[in-house]
PDB file of N, CA and C in Angstrom:
ATOM      1  N   MET A   1      24.239   8.058 -17.384  1.00  0.00           N
ATOM      2  CA  MET A   1      23.278   7.114 -17.897  1.00  0.00           C
ATOM      3  C   MET A   1      22.671   6.288 -16.750  1.00  0.00           C
ATOM      4  N   LYS A   2      23.514   5.891 -15.793  1.00  0.00           N
ATOM      5  CA  LYS A   2      23.021   5.106 -14.665  1.00  0.00           C
ATOM      6  C   LYS A   2      22.037   5.913 -13.832  1.00  0.00           C
ATOM      7  N   LYS A   3      22.300   7.228 -13.692  1.00  0.00           N
ATOM      8  CA  LYS A   3      21.399   8.065 -12.901  1.00  0.00           C
ATOM      9  C   LYS A   3      20.023   8.154 -13.544  1.00  0.00           C
ATOM     10  N   ILE A   4      19.987   8.219 -14.871  1.00  0.00           N
ATOM     11  CA  ILE A   4      18.707   8.271 -15.571  1.00  0.00           C
ATOM     12  C   ILE A   4      17.962   6.954 -15.389  1.00  0.00           C
ATOM     13  N   LEU A   5      18.677   5.854 -15.477  1.00  0.00           N
ATOM     14  CA  LEU A   5      18.060   4.545 -15.298  1.00  0.00           C
ATOM     15  C   LEU A   5      17.507   4.395 -13.887  1.00  0.00           C
ATOM     16  N   VAL A   6      18.284   4.803 -12.898  1.00  0.00           N
ATOM     17  CA  VAL A   6      17.834   4.698 -11.505  1.00  0.00           C
ATOM     18  C   VAL A   6      16.624   5.589 -11.284  1.00  0.00           C
ATOM     19  N   SER A   7      16.653   6.813 -11.820  1.00  0.00           N
ATOM     20  CA  SER A   7      15.514   7.725 -11.666  1.00  0.00           C
ATOM     21  C   SER A   7      14.271   7.148 -12.322  1.00  0.00           C
ATOM     22  N   SER A   8      14.433   6.580 -13.502  1.00  0.00           N
ATOM     23  CA  SER A   8      13.299   5.972 -14.199  1.00  0.00           C
ATOM     24  C   SER A   8      12.761   4.777 -13.428  1.00  0.00           C
ATOM     25  N   LEU A   9      13.665   3.971 -12.895  1.00  0.00           N
ATOM     26  CA  LEU A   9      13.257   2.809 -12.117  1.00  0.00           C
ATOM     27  C   LEU A   9      12.510   3.240 -10.857  1.00  0.00           C
ATOM     28  N   ALA A  10      13.026   4.227 -10.164  1.00  0.00           N
ATOM     29  CA  ALA A  10      12.377   4.720  -8.945  1.00  0.00           C
ATOM     30  C   ALA A  10      10.995   5.277  -9.261  1.00  0.00           C
ATOM     31  N   ALA A  11      10.887   6.036 -10.342  1.00  0.00           N
ATOM     32  CA  ALA A  11       9.591   6.590 -10.733  1.00  0.00           C
ATOM     33  C   ALA A  11       8.614   5.468 -11.068  1.00  0.00           C
ATOM     34  N   GLY A  12       9.106   4.441 -11.732  1.00  0.00           N
ATOM     35  CA  GLY A  12       8.247   3.304 -12.073  1.00  0.00           C
ATOM     36  C   GLY A  12       7.753   2.560 -10.842  1.00  0.00           C
ATOM     37  N   VAL A  13       8.636   2.364  -9.878  1.00  0.00           N
ATOM     38  CA  VAL A  13       8.255   1.667  -8.642  1.00  0.00           C
ATOM     39  C   VAL A  13       7.208   2.480  -7.895  1.00  0.00           C
ATOM     40  N   LEU A  14       7.430   3.771  -7.765  1.00  0.00           N
ATOM     41  CA  LEU A  14       6.478   4.616  -7.042  1.00  0.00           C
ATOM     42  C   LEU A  14       5.150   4.718  -7.785  1.00  0.00           C
ATOM     43  N   ALA A  15       5.190   4.799  -9.113  1.00  0.00           N
ATOM     44  CA  ALA A  15       3.953   4.852  -9.890  1.00  0.00           C
ATOM     45  C   ALA A  15       3.172   3.548  -9.755  1.00  0.00           C
ATOM     46  N   SER A  16       3.880   2.428  -9.777  1.00  0.00           N
ATOM     47  CA  SER A  16       3.211   1.130  -9.611  1.00  0.00           C
ATOM     48  C   SER A  16       2.559   1.029  -8.242  1.00  0.00           C
ATOM     49  N   ALA A  17       3.257   1.501  -7.224  1.00  0.00           N
ATOM     50  CA  ALA A  17       2.696   1.472  -5.872  1.00  0.00           C
ATOM     51  C   ALA A  17       1.451   2.347  -5.792  1.00  0.00           C
ATOM     52  N   ALA A  18       1.496   3.512  -6.419  1.00  0.00           N
ATOM     53  CA  ALA A  18       0.340   4.414  -6.397  1.00  0.00           C
ATOM     54  C   ALA A  18      -0.842   3.812  -7.146  1.00  0.00           C
ATOM     55  N   LEU A  19      -0.590   3.195  -8.301  1.00  0.00           N
ATOM     56  CA  LEU A  19      -1.671   2.576  -9.058  1.00  0.00           C
ATOM     57  C   LEU A  19      -2.258   1.394  -8.300  1.00  0.00           C
ATOM     58  N   GLY A  20      -1.412   0.617  -7.650  1.00  0.00           N
ATOM     59  CA  GLY A  20      -1.916  -0.504  -6.846  1.00  0.00           C
ATOM     60  C   GLY A  20      -2.786  -0.026  -5.708  1.00  0.00           C
ATOM     61  N   LEU A  21      -2.381   1.068  -5.086  1.00  0.00           N
ATOM     62  CA  LEU A  21      -3.159   1.635  -3.988  1.00  0.00           C
ATOM     63  C   LEU A  21      -4.478   2.177  -4.498  1.00  0.00           C
ATOM     64  N   ALA A  22      -4.469   2.837  -5.657  1.00  0.00           N
ATOM     65  CA  ALA A  22      -5.698   3.370  -6.222  1.00  0.00           C
ATOM     66  C   ALA A  22      -6.669   2.239  -6.547  1.00  0.00           C
ATOM     67  N   GLY A  23      -6.148   1.128  -7.074  1.00  0.00           N
ATOM     68  CA  GLY A  23      -6.996  -0.016  -7.360  1.00  0.00           C
ATOM     69  C   GLY A  23      -7.567  -0.627  -6.098  1.00  0.00           C
ATOM     70  N   ALA A  24      -6.762  -0.698  -5.067  1.00  0.00           N
ATOM     71  CA  ALA A  24      -7.234  -1.244  -3.795  1.00  0.00           C
ATOM     72  C   ALA A  24      -8.275  -0.336  -3.181  1.00  0.00           C
ATOM     73  N   ALA A  25      -8.079   0.963  -3.288  1.00  0.00           N
ATOM     74  CA  ALA A  25      -9.023   1.915  -2.710  1.00  0.00           C
ATOM     75  C   ALA A  25     -10.364   1.844  -3.428  1.00  0.00           C
ATOM     76  N   SER A  26     -10.351   1.764  -4.752  1.00  0.00           N
ATOM     77  CA  SER A  26     -11.608   1.711  -5.478  1.00  0.00           C
ATOM     78  C   SER A  26     -12.315   0.378  -5.257  1.00  0.00           C
ATOM     79  N   ALA A  27     -11.552  -0.692  -5.131  1.00  0.00           N
ATOM     80  CA  ALA A  27     -12.162  -2.002  -4.900  1.00  0.00           C
ATOM     81  C   ALA A  27     -12.767  -2.083  -3.512  1.00  0.00           C
ATOM     82  N   ALA A  28     -12.105  -1.495  -2.519  1.00  0.00           N
ATOM     83  CA  ALA A  28     -12.567  -1.607  -1.145  1.00  0.00           C
ATOM     84  C   ALA A  28     -13.707  -0.649  -0.852  1.00  0.00           C
ATOM     85  N   SER A  29     -13.796   0.492  -1.550  1.00  0.00           N
ATOM     86  CA  SER A  29     -14.787   1.488  -1.192  1.00  0.00           C
ATOM     87  C   SER A  29     -16.082   1.369  -2.000  1.00  0.00           C
ATOM     88  N   SER A  30     -16.224   0.402  -2.873  1.00  0.00           N
ATOM     89  CA  SER A  30     -17.430   0.274  -3.676  1.00  0.00           C
ATOM     90  C   SER A  30     -18.488  -0.515  -2.913  1.00  0.00           C
ATOM     91  N   GLY A  31     -19.161   0.162  -1.999  1.00  0.00           N
ATOM     92  CA  GLY A  31     -20.203  -0.459  -1.203  1.00  0.00           C
ATOM     93  C   GLY A  31     -19.654  -1.088   0.054  1.00  0.00           C
ATOM     94  N   PRO A  32     -20.562  -1.466   0.931  1.00  0.00           N
ATOM     95  CA  PRO A  32     -20.116  -2.074   2.188  1.00  0.00           C
ATOM     96  C   PRO A  32     -19.453  -3.433   1.946  1.00  0.00           C
ATOM     97  N   SER A  33     -18.322  -3.629   2.589  1.00  0.00           N
ATOM     98  CA  SER A  33     -17.642  -4.922   2.496  1.00  0.00           C
ATOM     99  C   SER A  33     -17.170  -5.300   3.887  1.00  0.00           C
ATOM    100  N   PRO A  34     -17.059  -6.576   4.154  1.00  0.00           N
ATOM    101  CA  PRO A  34     -16.604  -6.996   5.477  1.00  0.00           C
ATOM    102  C   PRO A  34     -15.188  -6.484   5.749  1.00  0.00           C
ATOM    103  N   LEU A  35     -14.985  -6.034   6.958  1.00  0.00           N
ATOM    104  CA  LEU A  35     -13.701  -5.458   7.343  1.00  0.00           C
ATOM    105  C   LEU A  35     -12.567  -6.466   7.219  1.00  0.00           C
ATOM    106  N   ASP A  36     -12.771  -7.667   7.715  1.00  0.00           N
ATOM    107  CA  ASP A  36     -11.706  -8.673   7.676  1.00  0.00           C
ATOM    108  C   ASP A  36     -11.263  -8.989   6.245  1.00  0.00           C
ATOM    109  N   ALA A  37     -12.210  -9.099   5.336  1.00  0.00           N
ATOM    110  CA  ALA A  37     -11.871  -9.409   3.946  1.00  0.00           C
ATOM    111  C   ALA A  37     -11.074  -8.270   3.314  1.00  0.00           C
ATOM    112  N   THR A  38     -11.452  -7.038   3.614  1.00  0.00           N
ATOM    113  CA  THR A  38     -10.740  -5.884   3.064  1.00  0.00           C
ATOM    114  C   THR A  38      -9.320  -5.826   3.592  1.00  0.00           C
ATOM    115  N   VAL A  39      -9.160  -6.035   4.901  1.00  0.00           N
ATOM    116  CA  VAL A  39      -7.825  -6.004   5.510  1.00  0.00           C
ATOM    117  C   VAL A  39      -6.956  -7.107   4.939  1.00  0.00           C
ATOM    118  N   ARG A  40      -7.501  -8.307   4.800  1.00  0.00           N
ATOM    119  CA  ARG A  40      -6.730  -9.425   4.232  1.00  0.00           C
ATOM    120  C   ARG A  40      -6.319  -9.144   2.790  1.00  0.00           C
ATOM    121  N   GLN A  41      -7.219  -8.560   2.013  1.00  0.00           N
ATOM    122  CA  GLN A  41      -6.914  -8.248   0.610  1.00  0.00           C
ATOM    123  C   GLN A  41      -5.776  -7.227   0.523  1.00  0.00           C
ATOM    124  N   LEU A  42      -5.824  -6.198   1.341  1.00  0.00           N
ATOM    125  CA  LEU A  42      -4.783  -5.175   1.322  1.00  0.00           C
ATOM    126  C   LEU A  42      -3.444  -5.740   1.813  1.00  0.00           C
ATOM    127  N   GLN A  43      -3.481  -6.582   2.833  1.00  0.00           N
ATOM    128  CA  GLN A  43      -2.246  -7.206   3.322  1.00  0.00           C
ATOM    129  C   GLN A  43      -1.651  -8.134   2.270  1.00  0.00           C
ATOM    130  N   ALA A  44      -2.502  -8.815   1.517  1.00  0.00           N
ATOM    131  CA  ALA A  44      -2.010  -9.696   0.451  1.00  0.00           C
ATOM    132  C   ALA A  44      -1.327  -8.894  -0.657  1.00  0.00           C
ATOM    133  N   GLN A  45      -1.699  -7.624  -0.804  1.00  0.00           N
ATOM    134  CA  GLN A  45      -1.076  -6.753  -1.794  1.00  0.00           C
ATOM    135  C   GLN A  45       0.187  -6.096  -1.247  1.00  0.00           C
ATOM    136  N   GLY A  46       0.553  -6.422  -0.014  1.00  0.00           N
ATOM    137  CA  GLY A  46       1.804  -5.929   0.557  1.00  0.00           C
ATOM    138  C   GLY A  46       1.685  -4.696   1.425  1.00  0.00           C
ATOM    139  N   PHE A  47       0.478  -4.282   1.752  1.00  0.00           N
ATOM    140  CA  PHE A  47       0.292  -3.091   2.577  1.00  0.00           C
ATOM    141  C   PHE A  47       0.310  -3.432   4.059  1.00  0.00           C
ATOM    142  N   GLN A  48       0.848  -2.510   4.862  1.00  0.00           N
ATOM    143  CA  GLN A  48       0.670  -2.555   6.306  1.00  0.00           C
ATOM    144  C   GLN A  48      -0.628  -1.798   6.551  1.00  0.00           C
ATOM    145  N   VAL A  49      -1.631  -2.439   7.146  1.00  0.00           N
ATOM    146  CA  VAL A  49      -2.964  -1.864   7.284  1.00  0.00           C
ATOM    147  C   VAL A  49      -3.150  -1.324   8.694  1.00  0.00           C
ATOM    148  N   ILE A  50      -3.623  -0.081   8.774  1.00  0.00           N
ATOM    149  CA  ILE A  50      -3.968   0.539  10.052  1.00  0.00           C
ATOM    150  C   ILE A  50      -5.463   0.826  10.008  1.00  0.00           C
ATOM    151  N   VAL A  51      -6.224   0.199  10.922  1.00  0.00           N
ATOM    152  CA  VAL A  51      -7.673   0.337  10.960  1.00  0.00           C
ATOM    153  C   VAL A  51      -8.032   1.450  11.936  1.00  0.00           C
ATOM    154  N   SER A  52      -8.905   2.348  11.487  1.00  0.00           N
ATOM    155  CA  SER A  52      -9.347   3.472  12.308  1.00  0.00           C
ATOM    156  C   SER A  52     -10.853   3.362  12.521  1.00  0.00           C
ATOM    157  N   ARG A  53     -11.236   3.084  13.761  1.00  0.00           N
ATOM    158  CA  ARG A  53     -12.663   3.026  14.079  1.00  0.00           C
ATOM    159  C   ARG A  53     -12.899   3.652  15.438  1.00  0.00           C
ATOM    160  N   VAL A  54     -14.087   4.229  15.620  1.00  0.00           N
ATOM    161  CA  VAL A  54     -14.398   4.954  16.845  1.00  0.00           C
ATOM    162  C   VAL A  54     -15.332   4.152  17.732  1.00  0.00           C
ATOM    163  N   ASP A  55     -16.315   3.497  17.163  1.00  0.00           N
ATOM    164  CA  ASP A  55     -17.336   2.798  17.928  1.00  0.00           C
ATOM    165  C   ASP A  55     -16.801   1.494  18.516  1.00  0.00           C
ATOM    166  N   THR A  56     -17.502   0.969  19.493  1.00  0.00           N
ATOM    167  CA  THR A  56     -17.084  -0.278  20.144  1.00  0.00           C
ATOM    168  C   THR A  56     -17.902  -1.478  19.674  1.00  0.00           C
ATOM    169  N   ALA A  57     -18.625  -1.344  18.577  1.00  0.00           N
ATOM    170  CA  ALA A  57     -19.426  -2.449  18.050  1.00  0.00           C
ATOM    171  C   ALA A  57     -18.511  -3.579  17.591  1.00  0.00           C
ATOM    172  N   THR A  58     -19.102  -4.757  17.423  1.00  0.00           N
ATOM    173  CA  THR A  58     -18.313  -5.890  16.952  1.00  0.00           C
ATOM    174  C   THR A  58     -17.921  -5.689  15.491  1.00  0.00           C
ATOM    175  N   VAL A  59     -16.887  -6.388  15.083  1.00  0.00           N
ATOM    176  CA  VAL A  59     -16.362  -6.250  13.724  1.00  0.00           C
ATOM    177  C   VAL A  59     -17.417  -6.625  12.684  1.00  0.00           C
ATOM    178  N   ASN A  60     -18.299  -7.571  12.998  1.00  0.00           N
ATOM    179  CA  ASN A  60     -19.329  -8.001  12.053  1.00  0.00           C
ATOM    180  C   ASN A  60     -20.323  -6.889  11.735  1.00  0.00           C
ATOM    181  N   GLN A  61     -20.436  -5.900  12.619  1.00  0.00           N
ATOM    182  CA  GLN A  61     -21.372  -4.803  12.415  1.00  0.00           C
ATOM    183  C   GLN A  61     -20.718  -3.604  11.723  1.00  0.00           C
ATOM    184  N   CYS A  62     -19.464  -3.702  11.380  1.00  0.00           N
ATOM    185  CA  CYS A  62     -18.720  -2.589  10.796  1.00  0.00           C
ATOM    186  C   CYS A  62     -18.605  -2.738   9.276  1.00  0.00           C
ATOM    187  N   THR A  63     -18.565  -1.595   8.596  1.00  0.00           N
ATOM    188  CA  THR A  63     -18.318  -1.569   7.163  1.00  0.00           C
ATOM    189  C   THR A  63     -17.168  -0.597   6.881  1.00  0.00           C
ATOM    190  N   VAL A  64     -16.500  -0.824   5.784  1.00  0.00           N
ATOM    191  CA  VAL A  64     -15.393   0.032   5.385  1.00  0.00           C
ATOM    192  C   VAL A  64     -15.969   1.297   4.769  1.00  0.00           C
ATOM    193  N   SER A  65     -15.593   2.462   5.308  1.00  0.00           N
ATOM    194  CA  SER A  65     -16.088   3.727   4.769  1.00  0.00           C
ATOM    195  C   SER A  65     -15.062   4.418   3.885  1.00  0.00           C
ATOM    196  N   ALA A  66     -13.772   4.127   4.084  1.00  0.00           N
ATOM    197  CA  ALA A  66     -12.733   4.749   3.247  1.00  0.00           C
ATOM    198  C   ALA A  66     -11.442   3.958   3.363  1.00  0.00           C
ATOM    199  N   VAL A  67     -10.669   4.002   2.284  1.00  0.00           N
ATOM    200  CA  VAL A  67      -9.313   3.459   2.281  1.00  0.00           C
ATOM    201  C   VAL A  67      -8.419   4.604   1.842  1.00  0.00           C
ATOM    202  N   ARG A  68      -7.516   5.024   2.747  1.00  0.00           N
ATOM    203  CA  ARG A  68      -6.670   6.188   2.471  1.00  0.00           C
ATOM    204  C   ARG A  68      -5.206   5.771   2.391  1.00  0.00           C
ATOM    205  N   PRO A  69      -4.466   6.378   1.469  1.00  0.00           N
ATOM    206  CA  PRO A  69      -3.047   6.030   1.351  1.00  0.00           C
ATOM    207  C   PRO A  69      -2.244   6.547   2.532  1.00  0.00           C
ATOM    208  N   GLY A  70      -1.253   5.776   2.892  1.00  0.00           N
ATOM    209  CA  GLY A  70      -0.307   6.190   3.923  1.00  0.00           C
ATOM    210  C   GLY A  70       1.044   6.427   3.277  1.00  0.00           C
ATOM    211  N   GLN A  71       2.066   6.379   4.068  1.00  0.00           N
ATOM    212  CA  GLN A  71       3.406   6.636   3.561  1.00  0.00           C
ATOM    213  C   GLN A  71       4.011   5.369   2.961  1.00  0.00           C
ATOM    214  N   THR A  72       4.770   5.553   1.890  1.00  0.00           N
ATOM    215  CA  THR A  72       5.510   4.465   1.266  1.00  0.00           C
ATOM    216  C   THR A  72       6.984   4.693   1.538  1.00  0.00           C
ATOM    217  N   PHE A  73       7.649   3.688   2.067  1.00  0.00           N
ATOM    218  CA  PHE A  73       9.068   3.793   2.377  1.00  0.00           C
ATOM    219  C   PHE A  73       9.867   3.028   1.327  1.00  0.00           C
ATOM    220  N   THR A  74      10.917   3.673   0.817  1.00  0.00           N
ATOM    221  CA  THR A  74      11.779   3.038  -0.172  1.00  0.00           C
ATOM    222  C   THR A  74      13.220   3.070   0.314  1.00  0.00           C
ATOM    223  N   ARG A  75      14.014   2.247  -0.308  1.00  0.00           N
ATOM    224  CA  ARG A  75      15.450   2.186   0.010  1.00  0.00           C
ATOM    225  C   ARG A  75      16.220   2.110  -1.293  1.00  0.00           C
ATOM    226  N   THR A  76      17.220   2.966  -1.415  1.00  0.00           N
ATOM    227  CA  THR A  76      18.099   2.932  -2.577  1.00  0.00           C
ATOM    228  C   THR A  76      19.432   2.368  -2.134  1.00  0.00           C
ATOM    229  N   ASP A  77      19.866   1.286  -2.800  1.00  0.00           N
ATOM    230  CA  ASP A  77      21.035   0.556  -2.335  1.00  0.00           C
ATOM    231  C   ASP A  77      21.777  -0.041  -3.522  1.00  0.00           C
ATOM    232  N   SER A  78      23.075  -0.126  -3.392  1.00  0.00           N
ATOM    233  CA  SER A  78      23.868  -0.768  -4.446  1.00  0.00           C
ATOM    234  C   SER A  78      24.215  -2.205  -4.077  1.00  0.00           C
ATOM    235  N   GLY A  79      23.811  -2.647  -2.903  1.00  0.00           N
ATOM    236  CA  GLY A  79      24.154  -3.986  -2.449  1.00  0.00           C
ATOM    237  C   GLY A  79      23.103  -5.034  -2.746  1.00  0.00           C
ATOM    238  N   VAL A  80      22.176  -4.740  -3.637  1.00  0.00           N
ATOM    239  CA  VAL A  80      21.131  -5.692  -3.973  1.00  0.00           C
ATOM    240  C   VAL A  80      21.709  -6.776  -4.872  1.00  0.00           C
ATOM    241  N   PRO A  81      21.426  -8.054  -4.583  1.00  0.00           N
ATOM    242  CA  PRO A  81      21.957  -9.120  -5.433  1.00  0.00           C
ATOM    243  C   PRO A  81      21.531  -8.934  -6.889  1.00  0.00           C
ATOM    244  N   GLY A  82      22.493  -9.028  -7.787  1.00  0.00           N
ATOM    245  CA  GLY A  82      22.224  -8.887  -9.207  1.00  0.00           C
ATOM    246  C   GLY A  82      22.264  -7.449  -9.703  1.00  0.00           C
ATOM    247  N   ALA A  83      22.534  -6.493  -8.824  1.00  0.00           N
ATOM    248  CA  ALA A  83      22.534  -5.079  -9.228  1.00  0.00           C
ATOM    249  C   ALA A  83      23.811  -4.687  -9.958  1.00  0.00           C
ATOM    250  N   ARG A  84      24.879  -5.467  -9.802  1.00  0.00           N
ATOM    251  CA  ARG A  84      26.165  -5.210 -10.455  1.00  0.00           C
ATOM    252  C   ARG A  84      26.704  -3.816 -10.140  1.00  0.00           C
ATOM    253  N   GLY A  85      26.517  -3.368  -8.924  1.00  0.00           N
ATOM    254  CA  GLY A  85      27.043  -2.074  -8.509  1.00  0.00           C
ATOM    255  C   GLY A  85      26.138  -0.901  -8.824  1.00  0.00           C
ATOM    256  N   ASP A  86      25.054  -1.109  -9.565  1.00  0.00           N
ATOM    257  CA  ASP A  86      24.108  -0.037  -9.855  1.00  0.00           C
ATOM    258  C   ASP A  86      23.232   0.224  -8.635  1.00  0.00           C
ATOM    259  N   LEU A  87      22.740   1.431  -8.516  1.00  0.00           N
ATOM    260  CA  LEU A  87      21.806   1.762  -7.450  1.00  0.00           C
ATOM    261  C   LEU A  87      20.425   1.224  -7.822  1.00  0.00           C
ATOM    262  N   VAL A  88      19.792   0.566  -6.863  1.00  0.00           N
ATOM    263  CA  VAL A  88      18.465   0.008  -7.071  1.00  0.00           C
ATOM    264  C   VAL A  88      17.568   0.535  -5.968  1.00  0.00           C
ATOM    265  N   THR A  89      16.399   1.062  -6.354  1.00  0.00           N
ATOM    266  CA  THR A  89      15.420   1.537  -5.388  1.00  0.00           C
ATOM    267  C   THR A  89      14.347   0.478  -5.234  1.00  0.00           C
ATOM    268  N   SER A  90      14.078   0.090  -3.992  1.00  0.00           N
ATOM    269  CA  SER A  90      13.044  -0.907  -3.737  1.00  0.00           C
ATOM    270  C   SER A  90      12.118  -0.410  -2.635  1.00  0.00           C
ATOM    271  N   VAL A  91      10.850  -0.788  -2.730  1.00  0.00           N
ATOM    272  CA  VAL A  91       9.854  -0.418  -1.734  1.00  0.00           C
ATOM    273  C   VAL A  91      10.013  -1.359  -0.546  1.00  0.00           C
ATOM    274  N   THR A  92      10.181  -0.786   0.646  1.00  0.00           N
ATOM    275  CA  THR A  92      10.360  -1.606   1.839  1.00  0.00           C
ATOM    276  C   THR A  92       9.095  -1.719   2.670  1.00  0.00           C
ATOM    277  N   ASN A  93       8.197  -0.725   2.584  1.00  0.00           N
ATOM    278  CA  ASN A  93       6.988  -0.752   3.387  1.00  0.00           C
ATOM    279  C   ASN A  93       5.963   0.186   2.763  1.00  0.00           C
ATOM    280  N   LYS A  94       4.712  -0.276   2.661  1.00  0.00           N
ATOM    281  CA  LYS A  94       3.614   0.539   2.174  1.00  0.00           C
ATOM    282  C   LYS A  94       2.515   0.517   3.230  1.00  0.00           C
ATOM    283  N   THR A  95       2.010   1.686   3.580  1.00  0.00           N
ATOM    284  CA  THR A  95       0.986   1.785   4.611  1.00  0.00           C
ATOM    285  C   THR A  95      -0.312   2.277   3.989  1.00  0.00           C
ATOM    286  N   VAL A  96      -1.426   1.748   4.478  1.00  0.00           N
ATOM    287  CA  VAL A  96      -2.744   2.193   4.052  1.00  0.00           C
ATOM    288  C   VAL A  96      -3.635   2.281   5.304  1.00  0.00           C
ATOM    289  N   TYR A  97      -4.508   3.285   5.341  1.00  0.00           N
ATOM    290  CA  TYR A  97      -5.425   3.473   6.455  1.00  0.00           C
ATOM    291  C   TYR A  97      -6.833   3.057   6.025  1.00  0.00           C
ATOM    292  N   VAL A  98      -7.471   2.228   6.835  1.00  0.00           N
ATOM    293  CA  VAL A  98      -8.832   1.785   6.553  1.00  0.00           C
ATOM    294  C   VAL A  98      -9.730   2.400   7.609  1.00  0.00           C
ATOM    295  N   ASP A  99     -10.660   3.268   7.168  1.00  0.00           N
ATOM    296  CA  ASP A  99     -11.635   3.886   8.070  1.00  0.00           C
ATOM    297  C   ASP A  99     -12.865   3.005   8.124  1.00  0.00           C
ATOM    298  N   VAL A 100     -13.380   2.802   9.342  1.00  0.00           N
ATOM    299  CA  VAL A 100     -14.479   1.878   9.552  1.00  0.00           C
ATOM    300  C   VAL A 100     -15.651   2.608  10.203  1.00  0.00           C
ATOM    301  N   THR A 101     -16.865   2.307   9.735  1.00  0.00           N
ATOM    302  CA  THR A 101     -18.083   2.831  10.331  1.00  0.00           C
ATOM    303  C   THR A 101     -18.837   1.672  10.959  1.00  0.00           C
ATOM    304  N   CYS A 102     -19.181   1.815  12.228  1.00  0.00           N
ATOM    305  CA  CYS A 102     -19.907   0.740  12.920  1.00  0.00           C
ATOM    306  C   CYS A 102     -21.294   1.213  13.328  1.00  0.00           C
TER     307      CYS A 102
END
């Protein structure tokens, strides 16, 4: 029974992370938006943001062309406070790539 609960919990955490990323991607890619605002919004949602740009123009001249998902790191542990010995899966790091056109 505990294994089913842990599997369901892990699936829920990963699904939530994927839906959050999809929402961030659609919000960021709907037309040109300032790079700094997009990066701040994604960081506020818990993502580690990696910006990919080729040109040497200033940031004010750049627009976001794509937001791509990166790797999500999780940890399964029984030592989480309040877990009562059950295994708990938690997201430790979420990465997203922001492509920029200048």
